């Protein structure tokens, strides 16, 4: 027997349409707007849907399993049937960790959870602590980025469905790796989204760049907030996930006294205490506001970390020389030094790109650097380029090594994007598999128009072209070839050095010292100094103890000894 429950506050009559049984009328529950029914014989594997006021059969808003795609019926899934083997897993705290962002569909040629398991040993040997996977909530078609998910409770079936995700998490934990899941609560995709049929899940009071805004503070929003918070707890509890990355929280509009993010943080902390393992929330935000990661007791939201786009912009622009778009305010050694020591470059300063002042300062004496996730590449910064080109296509191995040293040895929580550790030669494009022909055409044409407005003269890969997706799949055959092999060794050595020297995981921002010249920079963290030359001529760079180190102009950087005392020509790490 299975108990069915659904929130449909505006319906006059609700029925369960379960396979193998006649439609079963539901009765009003004690909770306002909720309906309930029990169906004998229904259990794990039973397909079902709900019928509102005699209309069509709809998937469950909280569907745990969508084997027939986003438009199909839901399927009952019993979480207690899975045989977990991670009883000894006690979690991995975020401070001190190195993250690794990957997309299940392009991490391997097979594009499944099970195939990704076969590559986890590579991540262990690399030295990372946690894998952060792009959204897996069911979305239309077979492949896509996952940010247009419409069934937030159901792992994408082509990846392997609910059991596939559990096998992946279980295998990661067995190797000592934590798992962070990217979730999207600021909007839902347009194809297969039937939440509005059930109740006021959306509001016209606000807008987002991606469609209707989720209703977090208007009429009926209490249940919508519960829907989102319960979803977050479900991933952490039922799938044993260790943390969540919250997509674009600046697009979550909530003007209530207690912001939904604060309420979520409180609920996750309570679950963490109950489970006896650390759980964490990481926000993506372009607000440059540390209140997100300030404790609730101090008036913040109490999230555990947030992405730092300013660090990426400062490092990317310094390495590549790009100044278009939002890079226009970045690129100098001064802005890179500020990003390394003050977190936000725009901390109340004028943003030329926005045409206004932006951000607010971080109190570096009180807010630890571990609460800021930094990266040289991520899915957005690669995939939202017109051709999905990685930074390795524009930089020499020496410059890539300089960037990696500043990222992995800096005072923050660093993150690598899949394949970055060996300078993958494959692009990572924006790709979709929309089944609705009108939506597919609109996405393809919109992508071309977007880059035409920015003056792009080259071809823009069609997101709907299957080849755009196929070209984005990692080529694991590159690992043993030059220069990929050498760059992989460099990343492994940097992460090992980070583990060996405690000052490299010290989150206290006021203990990082940075000096700069025209195109050189030194970053001192206790006994460890990182020196880089990003210019075209050799320079003498002052390092501790009154010594000057000559750094040449960007020849290949190399590992010189077995003590992980890294030195090279355009970049050096002295310990």
Protein backbone atom coordinates (compact mmCIF):
# COMPACT_ATOMS: atom_id res chain seq x y z
CA UNK A 1 0.00 0.00 0.00
CA UNK A 2 1.26 3.48 -0.89
CA UNK A 3 0.09 6.76 0.58
CA UNK A 4 -0.28 9.52 -2.03
CA UNK A 5 -0.24 13.20 -1.06
CA UNK A 6 -0.34 16.32 -3.19
CA UNK A 7 -0.80 20.06 -2.67
CA UNK A 8 -3.47 21.44 -5.01
CA UNK A 9 -5.16 24.29 -3.12
CA UNK A 10 -7.31 25.53 -5.99
CA UNK A 11 -8.73 22.16 -7.06
CA UNK A 12 -12.26 21.07 -6.22
CA UNK A 13 -11.61 17.39 -6.91
CA UNK A 14 -8.37 15.38 -7.10
CA UNK A 15 -7.86 11.74 -8.09
CA UNK A 16 -4.92 9.36 -8.25
CA UNK A 17 -4.56 7.63 -11.59
CA UNK A 18 -2.38 4.61 -10.75
CA UNK A 19 -1.46 1.81 -13.14
CA UNK A 20 -3.52 -1.31 -12.64
CA UNK A 21 -6.22 0.39 -10.58
CA UNK A 22 -9.25 2.54 -11.16
CA UNK A 23 -8.92 6.23 -10.48
CA UNK A 24 -8.99 6.74 -6.76
CA UNK A 25 -10.64 9.86 -5.33
CA UNK A 26 -8.50 11.73 -2.82
CA UNK A 27 -9.83 13.38 0.31
CA UNK A 28 -8.86 16.73 1.75
CA UNK A 29 -6.13 16.43 4.35
CA UNK A 30 -5.85 18.37 7.59
CA UNK A 31 -3.17 20.58 6.08
CA UNK A 32 -4.87 23.32 4.02
CA UNK A 33 -4.72 22.68 0.28
CA UNK A 34 -3.43 19.12 0.61
CA UNK A 35 -5.11 15.95 -0.66
CA UNK A 36 -4.40 12.34 0.35
CA UNK A 37 -5.29 8.77 -0.51
CA UNK A 38 -4.03 5.23 0.12
CA UNK A 39 -4.08 2.63 -2.65
CA UNK A 40 -3.72 -1.06 -1.77
CA UNK A 41 -1.36 -2.89 -4.11
CA UNK A 42 0.49 0.21 -5.21
CA UNK A 43 4.18 0.18 -4.32
CA UNK A 44 7.69 0.60 -5.62
CA UNK A 45 7.55 0.70 -9.41
CA UNK A 46 3.88 1.70 -9.72
CA UNK A 47 3.28 4.37 -12.36
CA UNK A 48 0.84 7.10 -11.39
CA UNK A 49 -0.30 10.66 -11.85
CA UNK A 50 -2.86 13.08 -10.51
CA UNK A 51 -6.09 14.27 -12.12
CA UNK A 52 -7.34 17.71 -11.12
CA UNK A 53 -11.03 18.46 -11.62
CA UNK A 54 -11.43 15.78 -14.27
CA UNK A 55 -8.62 17.01 -16.50
CA UNK A 56 -5.59 15.18 -17.92
CA UNK A 57 -3.30 12.98 -15.85
CA UNK A 58 -0.35 15.05 -14.62
CA UNK A 59 3.00 13.98 -13.14
CA UNK A 60 3.47 14.41 -9.41
CA UNK A 61 5.06 17.77 -8.44
CA UNK A 62 7.25 15.78 -6.06
CA UNK A 63 7.77 12.88 -8.44
CA UNK A 64 10.74 10.77 -7.29
CA UNK A 65 11.15 8.97 -10.62
CA UNK A 66 10.35 9.90 -14.22
CA UNK A 67 11.35 6.86 -16.30
CA UNK A 68 9.33 7.96 -19.34
CA UNK A 69 10.68 11.52 -19.43
CA UNK A 70 9.38 14.82 -18.15
CA UNK A 71 5.95 14.44 -19.80
CA UNK A 72 5.38 10.86 -18.67
CA UNK A 73 3.79 9.46 -15.57
CA UNK A 74 5.55 9.45 -12.26
CA UNK A 75 6.72 6.21 -10.66
CA UNK A 76 6.68 5.27 -7.00
CA UNK A 77 10.20 4.93 -5.62
CA UNK A 78 11.01 3.40 -2.22
CA UNK A 79 14.25 4.90 -0.94
CA UNK A 80 14.75 2.16 1.65
CA UNK A 81 15.24 -0.50 -1.04
CA UNK A 82 18.74 0.69 -1.92
CA UNK A 83 21.61 -1.12 -0.14
CA UNK A 84 24.04 1.61 0.90
CA UNK A 85 27.62 0.67 1.80
CA UNK A 86 28.76 4.05 3.16
CA UNK A 87 27.84 3.50 6.81
CA UNK A 88 31.35 4.54 7.84
CA UNK A 89 31.21 7.81 5.90
CA UNK A 90 31.42 10.73 8.30
CA UNK A 91 31.43 13.50 5.72
CA UNK A 92 34.00 16.03 4.60
CA UNK A 93 33.94 19.62 5.87
CA UNK A 94 34.17 22.29 3.21
CA UNK A 95 37.09 24.28 4.74
CA UNK A 96 40.35 22.91 3.42
CA UNK A 97 38.72 21.05 0.53
CA UNK A 98 39.42 21.16 -3.20
CA UNK A 99 36.30 20.84 -5.37
CA UNK A 100 36.00 19.32 -8.84
CA UNK A 101 33.04 20.34 -11.00
CA UNK A 102 31.80 17.80 -13.53
CA UNK A 103 28.86 17.22 -15.84
CA UNK A 104 27.63 13.64 -15.82
CA UNK A 105 26.60 13.65 -19.49
CA UNK A 106 30.01 14.71 -20.86
CA UNK A 107 32.41 13.44 -18.18
CA UNK A 108 32.51 10.09 -20.01
CA UNK A 109 31.47 8.92 -23.50
CA UNK A 110 28.63 6.91 -21.92
CA UNK A 111 27.33 9.91 -20.00
CA UNK A 112 25.93 7.98 -17.03
CA UNK A 113 26.38 7.84 -13.28
CA UNK A 114 27.83 4.33 -13.55
CA UNK A 115 30.36 5.36 -16.19
CA UNK A 116 31.41 8.32 -14.03
CA UNK A 117 32.13 5.91 -11.18
CA UNK A 118 34.84 4.33 -13.32
CA UNK A 119 36.71 7.67 -13.38
CA UNK A 120 36.53 8.45 -9.66
CA UNK A 121 39.93 6.88 -9.02
CA UNK A 122 41.43 9.54 -11.29
CA UNK A 123 39.99 12.19 -8.99
CA UNK A 124 41.39 10.41 -5.94
CA UNK A 125 44.87 10.35 -7.48
CA UNK A 126 44.48 14.01 -8.41
CA UNK A 127 43.88 14.76 -4.74
CA UNK A 128 40.51 16.52 -4.77
CA UNK A 129 38.15 16.19 -1.83
CA UNK A 130 34.71 16.65 -3.35
CA UNK A 131 32.99 16.30 -6.71
CA UNK A 132 30.40 18.92 -7.61
CA UNK A 133 28.00 17.64 -10.25
CA UNK A 134 25.89 19.86 -12.46
CA UNK A 135 22.09 19.56 -12.00
CA UNK A 136 20.62 16.10 -12.42
CA UNK A 137 16.94 16.90 -11.80
CA UNK A 138 14.92 15.52 -14.74
CA UNK A 139 15.00 17.81 -17.79
CA UNK A 140 13.65 17.43 -21.37
CA UNK A 141 15.54 15.28 -23.86
CA UNK A 142 18.58 13.10 -23.21
CA UNK A 143 21.37 15.63 -22.86
CA UNK A 144 21.69 19.20 -21.64
CA UNK A 145 23.34 21.26 -18.94
CA UNK A 146 20.50 20.50 -16.51
CA UNK A 147 19.54 24.08 -15.65
CA UNK A 148 16.15 23.66 -17.34
CA UNK A 149 15.03 20.88 -15.00
CA UNK A 150 11.32 20.51 -14.33
CA UNK A 151 11.07 17.54 -11.95
CA UNK A 152 13.21 18.69 -9.07
CA UNK A 153 12.83 15.47 -7.06
CA UNK A 154 13.64 12.96 -9.83
CA UNK A 155 17.22 12.21 -11.01
CA UNK A 156 17.50 12.33 -14.81
CA UNK A 157 16.65 8.91 -16.20
CA UNK A 158 19.20 8.85 -19.09
CA UNK A 159 21.94 9.35 -16.47
CA UNK A 160 20.73 6.30 -14.53
CA UNK A 161 17.77 7.53 -12.50
CA UNK A 162 17.49 7.35 -8.70
CA UNK A 163 19.47 4.15 -8.22
CA UNK A 164 22.22 5.41 -10.55
CA UNK A 165 22.73 8.56 -8.51
CA UNK A 166 22.83 6.55 -5.30
CA UNK A 167 25.43 4.20 -6.74
CA UNK A 168 27.54 7.21 -7.72
CA UNK A 169 27.35 8.83 -4.28
CA UNK A 170 27.99 5.51 -2.56
CA UNK A 171 31.05 4.87 -4.75
CA UNK A 172 32.39 8.39 -4.16
CA UNK A 173 32.07 8.01 -0.40
CA UNK A 174 33.82 4.66 -0.62
CA UNK A 175 36.80 6.50 -2.12
CA UNK A 176 36.75 9.30 0.44
CA UNK A 177 35.13 11.84 -1.88
CA UNK A 178 32.27 14.09 -0.84
CA UNK A 179 29.51 14.88 -3.34
CA UNK A 180 28.03 18.33 -3.97
CA UNK A 181 24.90 18.58 -6.11
CA UNK A 182 24.00 21.66 -8.14
CA UNK A 183 20.32 22.56 -7.65
CA UNK A 184 18.19 25.24 -9.29
CA UNK A 185 15.53 27.02 -7.22
CA UNK A 186 15.30 30.37 -9.03
CA UNK A 187 13.31 29.06 -12.04
CA UNK A 188 12.17 25.92 -13.82
CA UNK A 189 12.55 24.97 -17.46
CA UNK A 190 9.71 25.71 -19.88
CA UNK A 191 9.23 22.21 -21.31
CA UNK A 192 7.41 19.78 -19.02
CA UNK A 193 6.87 22.24 -16.19
CA UNK A 194 3.35 21.58 -14.87
CA UNK A 195 3.69 23.03 -11.36
CA UNK A 196 1.41 25.98 -12.16
CA UNK A 197 -1.43 23.52 -12.80
CA UNK A 198 -1.32 22.58 -9.11
CA UNK A 199 -1.01 25.93 -7.37
CA UNK A 200 0.72 29.32 -7.07
CA UNK A 201 4.28 28.03 -7.52
CA UNK A 202 5.13 31.07 -9.66
CA UNK A 203 4.51 34.79 -9.50
CA UNK A 204 4.41 37.68 -11.95
CA UNK A 205 5.58 40.06 -9.22
CA UNK A 206 9.17 39.46 -10.39
CA UNK A 207 10.92 38.25 -13.50
CA UNK A 208 14.06 36.23 -14.17
CA UNK A 209 16.23 35.98 -17.29
CA UNK A 210 15.02 32.38 -17.69
CA UNK A 211 11.24 32.62 -17.24
CA UNK A 212 8.68 32.85 -14.45
CA UNK A 213 9.93 33.66 -10.97
CA UNK A 214 9.31 31.12 -8.22
CA UNK A 215 6.82 32.39 -5.63
CA UNK A 216 8.74 32.77 -2.39
CA UNK A 217 6.88 35.70 -0.82
CA UNK A 218 3.47 36.17 -2.42
CA UNK A 219 0.07 34.56 -1.73
CA UNK A 220 0.43 30.81 -1.18
CA UNK A 221 4.21 30.99 -0.86
CA UNK A 222 4.45 29.08 2.44
CA UNK A 223 3.96 25.75 0.67
CA UNK A 224 6.26 26.79 -2.18
CA UNK A 225 9.02 27.55 0.30
CA UNK A 226 8.40 24.18 1.96
CA UNK A 227 8.57 22.50 -1.46
CA UNK A 228 12.05 23.92 -2.07
CA UNK A 229 13.43 23.38 1.44
CA UNK A 230 12.06 19.82 1.57
CA UNK A 231 13.70 19.19 -1.80
CA UNK A 232 17.07 20.34 -0.50
CA UNK A 233 16.74 18.09 2.55
CA UNK A 234 15.71 15.16 0.36
CA UNK A 235 18.96 15.21 -1.65
CA UNK A 236 21.03 15.42 1.53
CA UNK A 237 19.08 12.77 3.44
CA UNK A 238 17.83 10.23 0.89
CA UNK A 239 20.73 10.42 -1.58
CA UNK A 240 23.45 10.95 1.05
CA UNK A 241 24.71 14.05 -0.79
CA UNK A 242 27.09 16.15 1.31
CA UNK A 243 26.35 19.63 0.01
CA UNK A 244 24.29 21.65 -2.43
CA UNK A 245 25.37 24.38 -4.82
CA UNK A 246 22.46 26.83 -5.14
CA UNK A 247 22.25 28.28 -8.64
CA UNK A 248 22.00 32.05 -9.13
CA UNK A 249 20.52 32.96 -5.77
CA UNK A 250 20.46 36.63 -6.78
CA UNK A 251 17.45 35.64 -8.92
CA UNK A 252 15.58 34.31 -5.88
CA UNK A 253 13.20 37.11 -4.94
CA UNK A 254 12.05 36.94 -1.34
CA UNK A 255 11.20 40.03 0.68
CA UNK A 256 9.87 38.18 3.71
CA UNK A 257 11.39 38.77 7.13
CA UNK A 258 13.15 35.39 6.94
CA UNK A 259 14.66 34.81 3.53
CA UNK A 260 14.12 31.31 2.14
CA UNK A 261 17.91 30.83 2.02
CA UNK A 262 18.18 31.56 5.71
CA UNK A 263 15.34 29.14 6.44
CA UNK A 264 17.04 26.50 4.28
CA UNK A 265 20.34 27.02 6.07
CA UNK A 266 18.63 26.52 9.42
CA UNK A 267 16.91 23.33 8.23
CA UNK A 268 20.12 21.90 6.77
CA UNK A 269 22.01 22.58 10.00
CA UNK A 270 19.31 20.71 11.91
CA UNK A 271 19.56 17.75 9.52
CA UNK A 272 23.36 17.78 9.83
CA UNK A 273 23.06 17.54 13.63
CA UNK A 274 20.64 14.64 13.28
CA UNK A 275 22.75 12.70 10.76
CA UNK A 276 26.03 13.39 12.54
CA UNK A 277 27.94 14.51 9.45
CA UNK A 278 28.76 17.94 7.99
CA UNK A 279 26.36 19.25 5.34
CA UNK A 280 26.90 22.51 3.51
CA UNK A 281 25.25 25.00 1.18
CA UNK A 282 27.20 26.93 -1.48
CA UNK A 283 25.54 29.86 -3.22
CA UNK A 284 26.19 31.25 -6.67
CA UNK A 285 25.61 34.99 -6.48
CA UNK A 286 26.71 38.03 -8.46
CA UNK A 287 25.78 40.47 -5.68
CA UNK A 288 29.26 40.57 -4.07
CA UNK A 289 27.59 40.53 -0.66
CA UNK A 290 29.18 38.50 2.13
CA UNK A 291 25.94 38.54 4.11
CA UNK A 292 25.13 35.28 2.33
CA UNK A 293 27.96 33.56 4.21
CA UNK A 294 27.67 35.55 7.43
CA UNK A 295 26.25 33.57 10.34
CA UNK A 296 22.56 33.84 11.12
CA UNK A 297 23.45 35.04 14.62
CA UNK A 298 25.24 37.99 13.05
CA UNK A 299 22.32 38.83 10.77
CA UNK A 300 23.41 36.85 7.70
CA UNK A 301 21.85 33.92 5.88
CA UNK A 302 24.25 31.38 7.36
CA UNK A 303 25.28 29.71 4.10
CA UNK A 304 28.61 27.92 4.15
CA UNK A 305 30.19 29.40 1.01
CA UNK A 306 29.58 31.39 -2.16
CA UNK A 307 31.24 31.50 -5.55
CA UNK A 308 33.64 34.38 -6.18
CA UNK A 309 33.25 35.52 -9.77
CA UNK A 310 35.59 38.47 -9.17
CA UNK A 311 38.49 36.10 -8.52
CA UNK A 312 37.79 34.34 -11.81
CA UNK A 313 37.50 37.60 -13.74
CA UNK A 314 40.70 39.00 -12.23
CA UNK A 315 42.76 35.87 -12.91
CA UNK A 316 41.30 35.14 -16.34
CA UNK A 317 41.79 38.70 -17.57
CA UNK A 318 45.33 38.87 -16.18
CA UNK A 319 46.30 35.63 -17.93
CA UNK A 320 44.54 36.14 -21.27
CA UNK A 321 44.47 39.91 -21.72
CA UNK A 322 40.74 39.79 -22.52
CA UNK A 323 38.86 42.97 -21.67
CA UNK A 324 35.47 42.53 -23.36
CA UNK A 325 32.19 42.44 -21.44
CA UNK A 326 32.52 42.07 -17.69
CA UNK A 327 36.32 41.72 -17.99
CA UNK A 328 36.58 45.45 -18.71
CA UNK A 329 37.32 46.30 -15.06
CA UNK A 330 39.84 43.51 -14.59
CA UNK A 331 43.24 42.42 -15.85
CA UNK A 332 45.77 44.47 -13.90
CA UNK A 333 48.01 43.01 -11.22
CA UNK A 334 46.35 45.42 -8.81
CA UNK A 335 42.89 43.92 -9.33
CA UNK A 336 44.32 40.40 -9.08
CA UNK A 337 46.02 41.31 -5.80
CA UNK A 338 42.76 42.71 -4.47
CA UNK A 339 40.88 39.55 -5.41
CA UNK A 340 43.49 37.45 -3.58
CA UNK A 341 43.33 39.51 -0.39
CA UNK A 342 39.96 41.28 -0.25
CA UNK A 343 37.80 38.70 -2.14
CA UNK A 344 35.69 41.18 -4.09
CA UNK A 345 37.27 43.59 -6.55
CA UNK A 346 33.94 45.38 -6.74
CA UNK A 347 33.25 46.08 -3.07
CA UNK A 348 31.37 49.31 -3.47
CA UNK A 349 33.50 50.48 -6.37
CA UNK A 350 32.32 51.63 -9.78
CA UNK A 351 31.55 48.81 -12.20
CA UNK A 352 32.01 50.04 -15.77
CA UNK A 353 30.19 46.99 -17.08
CA UNK A 354 27.12 47.70 -14.94
CA UNK A 355 27.36 51.47 -15.12
CA UNK A 356 27.00 51.79 -11.35
CA UNK A 357 28.67 51.01 -8.06
CA UNK A 358 28.60 47.34 -7.13
CA UNK A 359 29.24 45.12 -4.12
CA UNK A 360 30.23 45.72 -0.53
CA UNK A 361 33.48 45.04 1.39
CA UNK A 362 34.29 41.75 3.09
CA UNK A 363 35.56 42.00 6.66
CA UNK A 364 38.66 39.89 6.08
CA UNK A 365 39.42 39.75 9.80
CA UNK A 366 36.17 37.94 10.54
CA UNK A 367 35.05 36.15 7.37
CA UNK A 368 37.32 33.22 6.47
CA UNK A 369 38.52 32.71 2.91
CA UNK A 370 37.21 29.13 2.91
CA UNK A 371 33.71 30.58 2.50
CA UNK A 372 34.54 31.68 -1.03
CA UNK A 373 34.80 29.16 -3.86
CA UNK A 374 37.31 30.27 -6.49
CA UNK A 375 38.02 28.93 -9.97
CA UNK A 376 39.87 29.64 -13.17
CA UNK A 377 37.26 27.77 -15.21
CA UNK A 378 33.72 26.56 -14.59
CA UNK A 379 30.76 25.45 -16.69
CA UNK A 380 29.51 29.01 -17.23
CA UNK A 381 32.85 30.65 -17.95
CA UNK A 382 33.63 28.01 -20.59
CA UNK A 383 30.21 27.04 -21.91
CA UNK A 384 28.89 30.56 -22.26
CA UNK A 385 31.69 31.51 -24.63
CA UNK A 386 30.51 31.43 -28.22
CA UNK A 387 32.45 28.29 -29.17
CA UNK A 388 32.84 26.77 -25.70
CA UNK A 389 36.61 27.17 -25.85
CA UNK A 390 38.61 26.40 -22.73
CA UNK A 391 41.32 28.74 -21.49
CA UNK A 392 43.95 26.19 -22.56
CA UNK A 393 43.20 27.03 -26.20
CA UNK A 394 44.59 30.55 -25.64
CA UNK A 395 47.42 30.05 -23.14
CA UNK A 396 50.78 28.33 -23.07
CA UNK A 397 51.41 25.54 -20.54
CA UNK A 398 53.51 27.97 -18.50
CA UNK A 399 50.67 30.46 -18.13
CA UNK A 400 48.25 27.64 -17.29
CA UNK A 401 50.60 26.53 -14.52
CA UNK A 402 50.85 30.07 -13.17
CA UNK A 403 47.06 30.29 -13.02
CA UNK A 404 46.79 26.90 -11.33
CA UNK A 405 49.34 27.88 -8.66
CA UNK A 406 47.44 31.05 -7.73
CA UNK A 407 44.15 29.15 -7.66
CA UNK A 408 45.15 26.04 -5.74
CA UNK A 409 47.49 27.74 -3.25
CA UNK A 410 45.33 30.77 -2.55
CA UNK A 411 43.39 31.37 0.68
CA UNK A 412 40.01 30.22 -0.66
CA UNK A 413 38.20 26.97 -1.46
CA UNK A 414 39.46 26.19 -4.98
CA UNK A 415 37.49 24.38 -7.66
CA UNK A 416 38.63 22.76 -10.91
CA UNK A 417 36.39 22.21 -13.93
CA UNK A 418 36.50 18.71 -15.39
CA UNK A 419 39.52 18.24 -17.64
CA UNK A 420 41.17 21.46 -16.48
CA UNK A 421 43.80 19.45 -14.62
CA UNK A 422 45.24 18.17 -17.90
CA UNK A 423 44.33 21.17 -20.11
CA UNK A 424 41.69 19.19 -21.99
CA UNK A 425 41.64 19.95 -25.70
CA UNK A 426 37.90 19.36 -26.04
CA UNK A 427 35.58 22.39 -25.90
CA UNK A 428 32.58 22.49 -23.59
CA UNK A 429 29.73 24.05 -25.48
CA UNK A 430 26.20 25.08 -24.67
CA UNK A 431 24.06 22.13 -25.81
CA UNK A 432 20.39 21.18 -25.53
CA UNK A 433 18.07 18.40 -26.65
CA UNK A 434 14.66 20.05 -26.56
CA UNK A 435 11.92 17.89 -28.04
CA UNK A 436 9.52 20.78 -28.58
CA UNK A 437 10.38 22.03 -32.12
CA UNK A 438 9.37 25.63 -31.40
CA UNK A 439 11.49 25.76 -28.24
CA UNK A 440 14.39 24.07 -30.03
CA UNK A 441 14.29 26.64 -32.83
CA UNK A 442 14.00 29.55 -30.38
CA UNK A 443 17.07 28.34 -28.42
CA UNK A 444 19.18 27.93 -31.56
CA UNK A 445 18.22 31.30 -33.00
CA UNK A 446 18.55 33.05 -29.65
CA UNK A 447 22.08 31.76 -29.21
CA UNK A 448 23.14 33.18 -32.58
CA UNK A 449 21.48 36.54 -31.90
CA UNK A 450 23.12 36.81 -28.48
CA UNK A 451 26.65 36.58 -29.86
CA UNK A 452 25.88 38.69 -32.91
CA UNK A 453 24.99 41.52 -30.51
CA UNK A 454 28.43 41.13 -28.93
CA UNK A 455 30.14 41.43 -32.29
CA UNK A 456 31.07 37.76 -32.65
CA UNK A 457 32.02 37.07 -36.28
CA UNK A 458 32.62 33.32 -36.16
CA UNK A 459 30.22 30.41 -36.27
CA UNK A 460 28.19 29.77 -33.13
CA UNK A 461 27.61 26.05 -32.59
CA UNK A 462 23.92 25.14 -32.73
CA UNK A 463 22.94 23.95 -29.22
CA UNK A 464 20.46 21.48 -30.76
CA UNK A 465 23.01 19.90 -33.09
CA UNK A 466 23.99 16.52 -31.57
CA UNK A 467 27.57 17.15 -32.69
CA UNK A 468 27.75 20.20 -30.39
CA UNK A 469 27.10 17.83 -27.50
CA UNK A 470 29.44 15.10 -28.75
CA UNK A 471 32.37 17.50 -29.17
CA UNK A 472 32.00 18.49 -25.51
CA UNK A 473 32.70 14.99 -24.18
CA UNK A 474 36.07 14.66 -22.46
CA UNK A 475 38.79 12.79 -24.33
CA UNK A 476 40.41 10.63 -21.68
CA UNK A 477 43.02 9.49 -24.19
CA UNK A 478 44.78 12.85 -23.78
CA UNK A 479 46.10 12.11 -20.28
CA UNK A 480 49.26 10.32 -21.38
CA UNK A 481 50.14 12.77 -24.14
CA UNK A 482 52.20 15.98 -24.03
CA UNK A 483 51.60 18.59 -22.73
CA UNK A 484 48.61 17.13 -20.88
CA UNK A 485 50.69 14.65 -18.87
CA UNK A 486 52.96 17.39 -17.52
CA UNK A 487 50.06 19.67 -16.60
CA UNK A 488 48.31 16.83 -14.78
CA UNK A 489 51.48 16.22 -12.76
CA UNK A 490 51.63 19.95 -11.93
CA UNK A 491 48.07 20.00 -10.60
CA UNK A 492 48.67 16.87 -8.55
CA UNK A 493 51.83 18.40 -7.08
CA UNK A 494 50.10 21.66 -6.17
CA UNK A 495 47.24 19.85 -4.42
CA UNK A 496 49.75 17.65 -2.57
CA UNK A 497 51.66 20.76 -1.49
CA UNK A 498 48.40 22.29 -0.30
CA UNK A 499 47.81 19.24 1.88
CA UNK A 500 51.38 19.17 3.23
CA UNK A 501 51.70 22.80 4.39
CA UNK A 502 49.06 23.92 6.91
CA UNK A 503 49.36 27.60 5.95
CA UNK A 504 47.94 26.71 2.53
CA UNK A 505 44.63 25.65 4.06
CA UNK A 506 44.64 28.45 6.64
CA UNK A 507 41.43 30.38 5.83
CA UNK A 508 42.47 33.62 7.55
CA UNK A 509 42.48 36.20 4.78
CA UNK A 510 44.52 38.77 6.68
CA UNK A 511 47.51 36.38 6.67
CA UNK A 512 47.94 36.44 2.89
CA UNK A 513 50.50 38.96 1.63
CA UNK A 514 50.62 39.98 -2.02
CA UNK A 515 53.13 42.19 -3.83
CA UNK A 516 52.92 43.18 -7.48
CA UNK A 517 54.89 44.74 -10.27
CA UNK A 518 53.90 45.59 -13.80
CA UNK A 519 53.29 41.97 -14.84
CA UNK A 520 54.57 39.97 -11.87
CA UNK A 521 52.99 39.01 -8.58
CA UNK A 522 54.07 37.25 -5.40
CA UNK A 523 51.65 35.71 -2.92
CA UNK A 524 53.08 34.82 0.48
CA UNK A 525 51.23 32.46 2.80
CA UNK A 526 53.33 31.76 5.87
CA UNK A 527 56.46 29.90 4.77
CA UNK A 528 55.16 29.45 1.22
CA UNK A 529 55.60 32.06 -1.52
CA UNK A 530 54.11 31.82 -5.00
CA UNK A 531 55.81 34.00 -7.62
CA UNK A 532 54.48 34.42 -11.16
CA UNK A 533 55.55 36.39 -14.22
CA UNK A 534 52.70 37.04 -16.65
CA UNK A 535 54.72 39.35 -18.88
CA UNK A 536 56.67 38.87 -22.11
CA UNK A 537 60.10 39.60 -20.62
CA UNK A 538 62.07 38.02 -17.80
CA UNK A 539 61.97 39.87 -14.49
CA UNK A 540 63.66 39.85 -11.10
CA UNK A 541 60.99 39.24 -8.46
CA UNK A 542 61.65 39.94 -4.76
CA UNK A 543 60.96 36.95 -2.52
CA UNK A 544 61.50 36.46 1.26
CA UNK A 545 64.87 36.79 2.97
CA UNK A 546 66.02 39.57 0.65
CA UNK A 547 66.39 37.24 -2.32
CA UNK A 548 65.41 38.12 -5.89
CA UNK A 549 64.21 35.33 -8.16
CA UNK A 550 64.54 35.63 -11.93
CA UNK A 551 61.40 34.48 -13.72
CA UNK A 552 61.65 34.12 -17.47
CA UNK A 553 58.92 35.13 -19.89
CA UNK A 554 56.58 32.18 -20.05
CA UNK A 555 58.60 29.14 -21.06
CA UNK A 556 57.39 25.82 -19.71
CA UNK A 557 57.23 25.61 -15.92
CA UNK A 558 58.51 22.34 -14.50
CA UNK A 559 58.68 20.35 -11.30
CA UNK A 560 62.26 20.36 -10.11
CA UNK A 561 62.45 18.02 -7.15
CA UNK A 562 60.57 15.49 -5.13
CA UNK A 563 59.97 17.65 -2.06
CA UNK A 564 57.05 19.39 -3.70
CA UNK A 565 59.15 22.54 -3.53
CA UNK A 566 57.90 23.69 -6.91
CA UNK A 567 59.94 25.99 -9.08
CA UNK A 568 59.93 27.01 -12.69
CA UNK A 569 60.56 29.90 -14.97
CA UNK A 570 57.37 31.95 -15.27
CA UNK A 571 55.95 30.59 -12.00
CA UNK A 572 57.56 29.32 -8.84
CA UNK A 573 56.43 28.06 -5.47
CA UNK A 574 58.98 28.43 -2.68
CA UNK A 575 58.55 26.73 0.67
